[in-house]
Amino acid sequence: MNKKIKVGVLFGGKSAEHEVSLQSALSVIEALDPQKYDVVLIGINKQGQWFLNDSSKFLLETNNPKLIKLDTNGSSTSVALIPGKKSENLMRLNGSEEASQIDVVFPVLHGTYGEDGTVQGLLKLANVPFVGAGVLGSAVGMDKDVMKRLLRDAGLPIAKFIVLNRTTVRNIGYDSVVAQLGLPLFVKPANLGSSVGVRKVKTQKEYREAIEHAFLFDHKILIEEFIDGREVECSVLGNDYPIASVPGEIVPQHEFYSYEAKYLDEKGAVLKIPADLPLDIVTKLQKTAVDTFQTLCCEGMARVDMFLTKDNKIFVNEINTIPGFTKISMYPKLWEATGIPYRELVDRLIKLAMERFQLDQQLQTSQDFE
């Protein structure tokens, strides 16, 4: 009988998307085949502390997305990764010095301190395989400013944008921004996802309020032109030879596809999977998604969000290197519509992580001067 793979599911975190991560983790854990995997639950609270959780009760208020939270009481134990260890790489911090082994980590962390390369760097140093993009792809995918500049340089179509920080925001006024981008426009933090901190602006008053609001979440913000088009998304899967799913379309029932529309309001958006599009447009969207994935040095998985205008022009909006993973999230739903069910998708992602790790182990880390 083959030995089970010990999968550490890493979830929660310090991000403003903490609650979304908990919902995604719940679905991933339920999908892991108990015949193939032993699951180790590692929850990170909002202060950044890691806990080893009892599988019988690791989340509270799971039926309410507004109140869902990590259970850090009872059987939870603080833990830490031990860098450089090839075995027993997870240590309990309860005075017992008890250590155990994790074969691969499945990060289900959305936003900063998890999707931005920070955790990926830690896992790399700890010599542990992990699902999803590496350090560079994660960091680039999170920073919308750097991401858009790389896409622009690669010739991929994006919306016009302006980047501001707390110093430069004084140098450009509302009239100048409107002259460059028009109205309406969007203001958003450069490093965050799930539409946290994003506001649609139509007036000078809304502009000032949106700027202040975005700076609550990041030191750098983006102001983007409004693209009048359908919101379409493709899921991407793979390492060196990535493939794209069928496209799906999001029809927001709110002003735009906000955090509330995504996670709190059951009727916040209509998801059309697959999108009703002619084959040639589907092919172009899939190619754009894969080109985006490769331009941004991504691996494993990502969801590419795009706009499709009435005259069939495609604009890349952004990439999500750890997309939502609930059973109703677009990433797994698009693969399900393409022919890869949720459980098989999780299997493939773990396999891709371990394949990449094995290739990395073959690289030399020192020079032979003889």
Protein backbone atom coordinates (compact mmCIF):
# COMPACT_ATOMS: atom_id res chain seq x y z
CA MET A 1 0.00 0.00 0.00
CA ASN A 2 1.37 3.42 -0.95
CA LYS A 3 2.21 5.78 1.88
CA LYS A 4 -0.23 8.65 2.25
CA ILE A 5 0.99 12.15 1.41
CA LYS A 6 0.91 14.46 4.42
CA VAL A 7 -0.63 17.74 3.23
CA GLY A 8 -0.43 20.86 5.36
CA VAL A 9 -3.37 23.14 4.56
CA LEU A 10 -2.35 26.70 5.47
CA PHE A 11 -5.19 29.18 5.91
CA GLY A 12 -6.35 32.36 7.64
CA GLY A 13 -3.59 34.96 7.85
CA LYS A 14 -3.16 38.68 8.60
CA SER A 15 -4.78 39.84 5.36
CA ALA A 16 -8.05 41.74 5.08
CA GLU A 17 -9.16 38.63 3.15
CA HIS A 18 -8.81 36.42 6.25
CA GLU A 19 -12.46 35.32 6.29
CA VAL A 20 -12.41 34.45 2.58
CA SER A 21 -9.40 32.22 3.22
CA LEU A 22 -11.29 30.33 5.93
CA GLN A 23 -14.17 29.63 3.55
CA SER A 24 -11.80 28.43 0.81
CA ALA A 25 -9.86 26.20 3.21
CA LEU A 26 -13.02 24.48 4.35
CA SER A 27 -13.76 23.37 0.79
CA VAL A 28 -10.17 22.27 0.05
CA ILE A 29 -10.02 20.16 3.20
CA GLU A 30 -13.31 18.45 2.37
CA ALA A 31 -12.01 17.64 -1.13
CA LEU A 32 -8.75 15.98 -0.06
CA ASP A 33 -9.14 12.22 -0.55
CA PRO A 34 -8.57 10.52 2.85
CA GLN A 35 -7.33 7.43 0.99
CA LYS A 36 -4.45 9.47 -0.47
CA TYR A 37 -3.75 12.19 2.06
CA ASP A 38 -3.23 12.79 5.74
CA VAL A 39 -4.31 16.38 6.34
CA VAL A 40 -2.56 18.71 8.78
CA LEU A 41 -4.53 21.88 9.49
CA ILE A 42 -2.43 24.98 10.08
CA GLY A 43 -4.46 28.10 10.82
CA ILE A 44 -2.92 31.58 11.03
CA ASN A 45 -4.71 34.12 13.18
CA LYS A 46 -4.99 37.83 12.39
CA GLN A 47 -1.86 38.53 14.47
CA GLY A 48 0.20 36.12 12.33
CA GLN A 49 0.53 33.29 14.86
CA TRP A 50 0.41 29.74 13.46
CA PHE A 51 -1.77 27.09 15.09
CA LEU A 52 -2.07 23.35 14.60
CA ASN A 53 -5.80 22.71 14.62
CA ASP A 54 -7.91 19.72 15.54
CA SER A 55 -9.73 18.54 12.41
CA SER A 56 -12.94 17.98 14.36
CA LYS A 57 -13.45 21.69 15.02
CA PHE A 58 -11.05 24.21 13.54
CA LEU A 59 -13.50 26.92 12.44
CA LEU A 60 -16.34 28.65 14.23
CA GLU A 61 -19.52 30.13 12.73
CA THR A 62 -18.96 28.31 9.42
CA ASN A 63 -22.52 28.99 8.30
CA ASN A 64 -22.09 32.77 8.45
CA PRO A 65 -19.43 34.29 6.12
CA LYS A 66 -19.53 37.53 8.14
CA LEU A 67 -18.76 35.79 11.45
CA ILE A 68 -16.63 32.79 10.40
CA LYS A 69 -13.41 32.66 12.43
CA LEU A 70 -10.47 30.49 13.33
CA ASP A 71 -10.74 28.43 16.52
CA THR A 72 -7.47 29.03 18.38
CA ASN A 73 -8.68 27.65 21.72
CA GLY A 74 -9.12 24.15 23.01
CA SER A 75 -6.95 21.67 21.11
CA SER A 76 -5.10 24.30 19.03
CA THR A 77 -1.30 24.34 19.48
CA SER A 78 1.17 26.98 18.30
CA VAL A 79 3.56 25.64 15.66
CA ALA A 80 6.50 26.76 13.54
CA LEU A 81 8.28 25.51 10.42
CA ILE A 82 11.91 24.50 10.85
CA PRO A 83 13.95 25.81 7.88
CA GLY A 84 16.31 23.42 6.16
CA LYS A 85 15.04 20.20 7.73
CA LYS A 86 14.30 17.33 5.35
CA SER A 87 12.22 15.53 7.97
CA GLU A 88 10.22 16.58 11.02
CA ASN A 89 9.87 20.10 9.65
CA LEU A 90 6.89 21.19 11.77
CA MET A 91 7.48 21.76 15.49
CA ARG A 92 4.90 22.26 18.22
CA LEU A 93 5.63 25.25 20.46
CA ASN A 94 4.11 23.81 23.62
CA GLY A 95 7.30 22.90 25.46
CA SER A 96 7.28 19.30 24.28
CA GLU A 97 9.59 19.96 21.28
CA GLU A 98 7.48 17.42 19.43
CA ALA A 99 8.03 17.59 15.67
CA SER A 100 6.28 16.05 12.68
CA GLN A 101 6.71 15.89 8.91
CA ILE A 102 4.75 17.68 6.19
CA ASP A 103 5.28 16.47 2.61
CA VAL A 104 3.60 19.39 0.81
CA VAL A 105 1.81 22.60 1.80
CA PHE A 106 -1.41 23.81 0.19
CA PRO A 107 -1.56 27.56 0.94
CA VAL A 108 -5.13 28.83 0.92
CA LEU A 109 -4.14 32.37 1.85
CA HIS A 110 -5.65 35.30 -0.01
CA GLY A 111 -4.11 38.75 -0.17
CA THR A 112 -1.09 40.15 1.68
CA TYR A 113 0.99 37.95 3.99
CA GLY A 114 0.11 34.84 2.05
CA GLU A 115 -0.53 35.39 -1.65
CA ASP A 116 2.21 37.96 -2.12
CA GLY A 117 5.37 35.82 -1.96
CA THR A 118 6.01 36.17 1.77
CA VAL A 119 4.78 32.70 2.74
CA GLN A 120 6.16 31.23 -0.48
CA GLY A 121 9.62 32.51 0.50
CA LEU A 122 9.30 30.94 3.95
CA LEU A 123 8.25 27.59 2.47
CA LYS A 124 11.12 27.76 -0.02
CA LEU A 125 13.61 28.34 2.82
CA ALA A 126 12.01 25.52 4.80
CA ASN A 127 12.55 23.21 1.79
CA VAL A 128 8.87 22.24 1.63
CA PRO A 129 6.95 21.77 -1.65
CA PHE A 130 3.94 24.05 -1.96
CA VAL A 131 0.98 24.50 -4.27
CA GLY A 132 0.77 27.53 -6.54
CA ALA A 133 3.07 30.27 -7.80
CA GLY A 134 6.58 30.73 -6.45
CA VAL A 135 8.03 33.82 -4.77
CA LEU A 136 8.34 35.98 -7.90
CA GLY A 137 5.03 35.05 -9.52
CA SER A 138 3.20 35.56 -6.24
CA ALA A 139 4.77 38.96 -5.56
CA VAL A 140 4.23 40.22 -9.10
CA GLY A 141 0.66 38.94 -9.20
CA MET A 142 -0.18 40.74 -5.96
CA ASP A 143 1.29 44.13 -6.86
CA LYS A 144 -1.13 45.48 -9.46
CA ASP A 145 1.26 48.29 -10.40
CA VAL A 146 4.19 45.98 -11.26
CA MET A 147 1.82 43.43 -12.78
CA LYS A 148 0.29 45.94 -15.19
CA ARG A 149 3.67 47.33 -16.22
CA LEU A 150 4.92 43.83 -17.08
CA LEU A 151 1.76 43.06 -19.03
CA ARG A 152 2.03 46.36 -20.89
CA ASP A 153 5.66 45.68 -21.80
CA ALA A 154 4.68 42.22 -23.06
CA GLY A 155 2.11 43.79 -25.39
CA LEU A 156 -0.92 42.50 -23.50
CA PRO A 157 -3.87 44.92 -23.43
CA ILE A 158 -4.66 46.63 -20.11
CA ALA A 159 -6.70 49.62 -18.97
CA LYS A 160 -4.97 52.98 -18.51
CA PHE A 161 -3.89 53.58 -14.91
CA ILE A 162 -2.13 55.97 -12.56
CA VAL A 163 -0.13 54.90 -9.49
CA LEU A 164 0.03 57.07 -6.39
CA ASN A 165 1.68 56.79 -2.98
CA ARG A 166 1.29 59.00 0.08
CA THR A 167 3.83 61.48 -1.32
CA THR A 168 2.85 61.66 -4.99
CA VAL A 169 -0.88 61.86 -4.24
CA ARG A 170 -0.30 65.57 -3.47
CA ASN A 171 1.13 66.18 -6.93
CA ILE A 172 -1.88 65.24 -9.02
CA GLY A 173 -5.37 66.63 -8.62
CA TYR A 174 -8.81 65.30 -9.43
CA ASP A 175 -9.14 67.30 -12.67
CA SER A 176 -5.84 65.96 -13.98
CA VAL A 177 -6.81 62.37 -13.17
CA VAL A 178 -10.17 62.75 -14.92
CA ALA A 179 -8.49 64.33 -17.95
CA GLN A 180 -6.27 61.23 -18.28
CA LEU A 181 -8.73 58.47 -17.36
CA GLY A 182 -12.23 59.87 -17.74
CA LEU A 183 -15.25 59.07 -15.57
CA PRO A 184 -16.26 56.83 -13.96
CA LEU A 185 -12.99 55.42 -12.68
CA PHE A 186 -11.83 52.96 -10.04
CA VAL A 187 -9.59 53.52 -7.03
CA LYS A 188 -8.03 50.46 -5.38
CA PRO A 189 -5.12 49.38 -3.15
CA ALA A 190 -2.19 48.10 -5.22
CA ASN A 191 -1.66 45.03 -3.04
CA LEU A 192 -4.92 43.33 -2.15
CA GLY A 193 -7.65 41.22 -3.71
CA SER A 194 -11.30 40.22 -3.41
CA SER A 195 -12.23 43.85 -4.21
CA VAL A 196 -11.25 44.90 -0.67
CA GLY A 197 -10.77 48.68 -0.57
CA VAL A 198 -12.03 49.17 -4.13
CA ARG A 199 -14.44 51.98 -4.96
CA LYS A 200 -16.06 53.21 -8.14
CA VAL A 201 -15.80 56.99 -8.50
CA LYS A 202 -18.12 59.36 -10.34
CA THR A 203 -17.62 62.66 -8.48
CA GLN A 204 -14.84 64.69 -6.86
CA LYS A 205 -16.24 63.95 -3.39
CA GLU A 206 -16.27 60.21 -4.11
CA TYR A 207 -12.71 60.52 -5.40
CA ARG A 208 -11.40 62.04 -2.17
CA GLU A 209 -13.22 59.44 -0.07
CA ALA A 210 -11.98 56.56 -2.26
CA ILE A 211 -8.36 57.75 -2.01
CA GLU A 212 -8.55 57.89 1.79
CA HIS A 213 -10.24 54.50 1.93
CA ALA A 214 -7.69 52.78 -0.33
CA PHE A 215 -4.79 54.13 1.73
CA LEU A 216 -6.21 52.32 4.76
CA PHE A 217 -5.13 49.05 3.12
CA ASP A 218 -1.89 49.87 1.28
CA HIS A 219 0.84 52.50 0.91
CA LYS A 220 0.39 52.47 -2.88
CA ILE A 221 -2.88 52.80 -4.77
CA LEU A 222 -4.06 52.49 -8.36
CA ILE A 223 -6.50 54.68 -10.21
CA GLU A 224 -7.85 52.94 -13.31
CA GLU A 225 -10.04 53.90 -16.23
CA PHE A 226 -13.43 52.25 -16.49
CA ILE A 227 -13.69 49.61 -19.21
CA ASP A 228 -17.24 49.19 -20.47
CA GLY A 229 -17.30 45.46 -21.10
CA ARG A 230 -18.33 42.03 -19.92
CA GLU A 231 -16.37 40.59 -17.00
CA VAL A 232 -14.91 37.24 -18.07
CA GLU A 233 -12.48 34.93 -16.30
CA CYS A 234 -10.34 31.92 -17.20
CA SER A 235 -8.70 29.49 -14.81
CA VAL A 236 -5.13 28.43 -15.61
CA LEU A 237 -3.45 25.19 -14.49
CA GLY A 238 0.10 23.93 -14.99
CA ASN A 239 3.81 24.65 -14.64
CA ASP A 240 5.83 24.73 -17.86
CA TYR A 241 2.87 23.88 -20.10
CA PRO A 242 -0.17 25.64 -18.60
CA ILE A 243 -3.68 25.19 -19.95
CA ALA A 244 -6.74 27.44 -19.66
CA SER A 245 -10.29 26.50 -18.76
CA VAL A 246 -13.43 27.52 -20.58
CA PRO A 247 -14.22 31.18 -19.83
CA GLY A 248 -16.91 32.16 -17.37
CA GLU A 249 -18.80 35.45 -17.17
CA ILE A 250 -19.71 37.44 -14.08
CA VAL A 251 -22.80 39.61 -14.24
CA PRO A 252 -22.74 41.78 -11.07
CA GLN A 253 -26.05 42.74 -9.55
CA HIS A 254 -24.33 45.53 -7.59
CA GLU A 255 -22.61 48.67 -8.92
CA PHE A 256 -19.58 46.46 -9.58
CA TYR A 257 -18.25 43.07 -8.45
CA SER A 258 -17.51 44.19 -4.89
CA TYR A 259 -16.45 42.19 -1.82
CA GLU A 260 -20.07 42.09 -0.68
CA ALA A 261 -21.25 40.86 -4.08
CA LYS A 262 -18.58 38.13 -4.08
CA TYR A 263 -18.89 36.74 -0.58
CA LEU A 264 -21.76 38.16 1.47
CA ASP A 265 -24.74 38.61 -0.86
CA GLU A 266 -25.97 35.31 -2.30
CA LYS A 267 -27.58 37.27 -5.15
CA GLY A 268 -24.62 39.63 -5.61
CA ALA A 269 -23.74 38.29 -9.04
CA VAL A 270 -24.89 35.87 -11.71
CA LEU A 271 -22.17 33.45 -12.83
CA LYS A 272 -22.47 32.16 -16.39
CA ILE A 273 -20.34 29.02 -16.71
CA PRO A 274 -19.34 28.60 -19.45
CA ALA A 275 -19.78 32.08 -20.88
CA ASP A 276 -21.98 32.37 -23.97
CA LEU A 277 -19.28 33.28 -26.49
CA PRO A 278 -18.30 32.25 -30.02
CA LEU A 279 -15.44 29.76 -30.32
CA ASP A 280 -12.95 32.24 -31.78
CA ILE A 281 -13.43 34.60 -28.82
CA VAL A 282 -13.12 31.70 -26.38
CA THR A 283 -9.81 30.75 -27.98
CA LYS A 284 -8.51 34.34 -27.77
CA LEU A 285 -9.51 34.61 -24.10
CA GLN A 286 -7.78 31.32 -23.28
CA LYS A 287 -4.61 32.39 -25.09
CA THR A 288 -4.64 35.76 -23.33
CA ALA A 289 -5.04 34.00 -19.97
CA VAL A 290 -2.09 31.66 -20.61
CA ASP A 291 0.07 34.52 -21.96
CA THR A 292 -0.70 36.52 -18.82
CA PHE A 293 0.15 33.55 -16.59
CA GLN A 294 3.51 33.02 -18.30
CA THR A 295 4.40 36.72 -18.56
CA LEU A 296 3.98 37.05 -14.80
CA CYS A 297 6.13 33.97 -14.10
CA CYS A 298 3.29 32.02 -12.49
CA GLU A 299 3.14 28.29 -11.78
CA GLY A 300 0.57 25.82 -10.55
CA MET A 301 -2.62 27.82 -10.68
CA ALA A 302 -4.12 31.24 -11.24
CA ARG A 303 -7.33 32.88 -12.34
CA VAL A 304 -7.04 35.60 -14.98
CA ASP A 305 -9.75 38.26 -14.97
CA MET A 306 -10.48 40.11 -18.20
CA PHE A 307 -12.92 42.50 -19.82
CA LEU A 308 -14.52 41.86 -23.21
CA THR A 309 -15.89 44.97 -24.94
CA LYS A 310 -18.79 45.12 -27.37
CA ASP A 311 -16.37 45.17 -30.30
CA ASN A 312 -14.65 42.03 -28.89
CA LYS A 313 -11.52 43.74 -27.60
CA ILE A 314 -9.93 41.96 -24.63
CA PHE A 315 -8.37 43.81 -21.67
CA VAL A 316 -6.54 42.01 -18.85
CA ASN A 317 -7.76 43.26 -15.49
CA GLU A 318 -5.65 41.20 -13.06
CA ILE A 319 -4.37 37.78 -12.07
CA ASN A 320 -5.11 35.93 -8.82
CA THR A 321 -2.41 33.42 -7.90
CA ILE A 322 -4.43 31.92 -5.03
CA PRO A 323 -7.99 32.39 -6.27
CA GLY A 324 -11.10 31.74 -4.22
CA PHE A 325 -11.43 28.00 -3.62
CA THR A 326 -14.91 27.50 -2.22
CA LYS A 327 -17.04 25.01 -4.11
CA ILE A 328 -18.92 27.90 -5.72
CA SER A 329 -15.79 29.93 -6.57
CA MET A 330 -15.00 30.61 -10.20
CA TYR A 331 -11.62 28.85 -10.29
CA PRO A 332 -12.88 25.33 -9.45
CA LYS A 333 -16.25 25.87 -11.15
CA LEU A 334 -14.55 26.74 -14.44
CA TRP A 335 -12.42 23.60 -14.28
CA GLU A 336 -15.46 21.53 -13.45
CA ALA A 337 -17.15 22.91 -16.60
CA THR A 338 -13.98 22.09 -18.56
CA GLY A 339 -13.98 18.49 -17.34
CA ILE A 340 -11.83 18.48 -14.19
CA PRO A 341 -13.93 17.97 -11.01
CA TYR A 342 -12.94 19.64 -7.72
CA ARG A 343 -11.26 16.60 -6.11
CA GLU A 344 -9.21 15.85 -9.23
CA LEU A 345 -8.22 19.51 -9.46
CA VAL A 346 -6.81 19.41 -5.94
CA ASP A 347 -4.90 16.22 -6.81
CA ARG A 348 -3.39 17.84 -9.89
CA LEU A 349 -2.28 20.92 -7.98
CA ILE A 350 -0.50 18.83 -5.35
CA LYS A 351 1.19 16.78 -8.07
CA LEU A 352 2.35 19.96 -9.84
CA ALA A 353 3.79 21.27 -6.57
CA MET A 354 5.79 18.10 -5.95
CA GLU A 355 7.00 17.91 -9.56
CA ARG A 356 8.34 21.48 -9.37
CA PHE A 357 10.01 20.72 -6.03
CA GLN A 358 11.79 17.69 -7.49
CA LEU A 359 13.10 19.80 -10.37
CA ASP A 360 14.31 22.46 -7.93
CA GLN A 361 16.20 19.80 -5.95
CA GLN A 362 18.23 18.98 -9.07
CA LEU A 363 19.64 22.51 -9.30
CA GLN A 364 23.18 23.11 -8.04
CA THR A 365 23.48 25.40 -5.04
CA SER A 366 27.28 25.65 -5.07
CA GLN A 367 30.05 25.97 -7.62
CA ASP A 368 32.73 23.41 -8.32
CA PHE A 369 36.02 25.31 -8.70
CA GLU A 370 38.19 22.27 -9.42
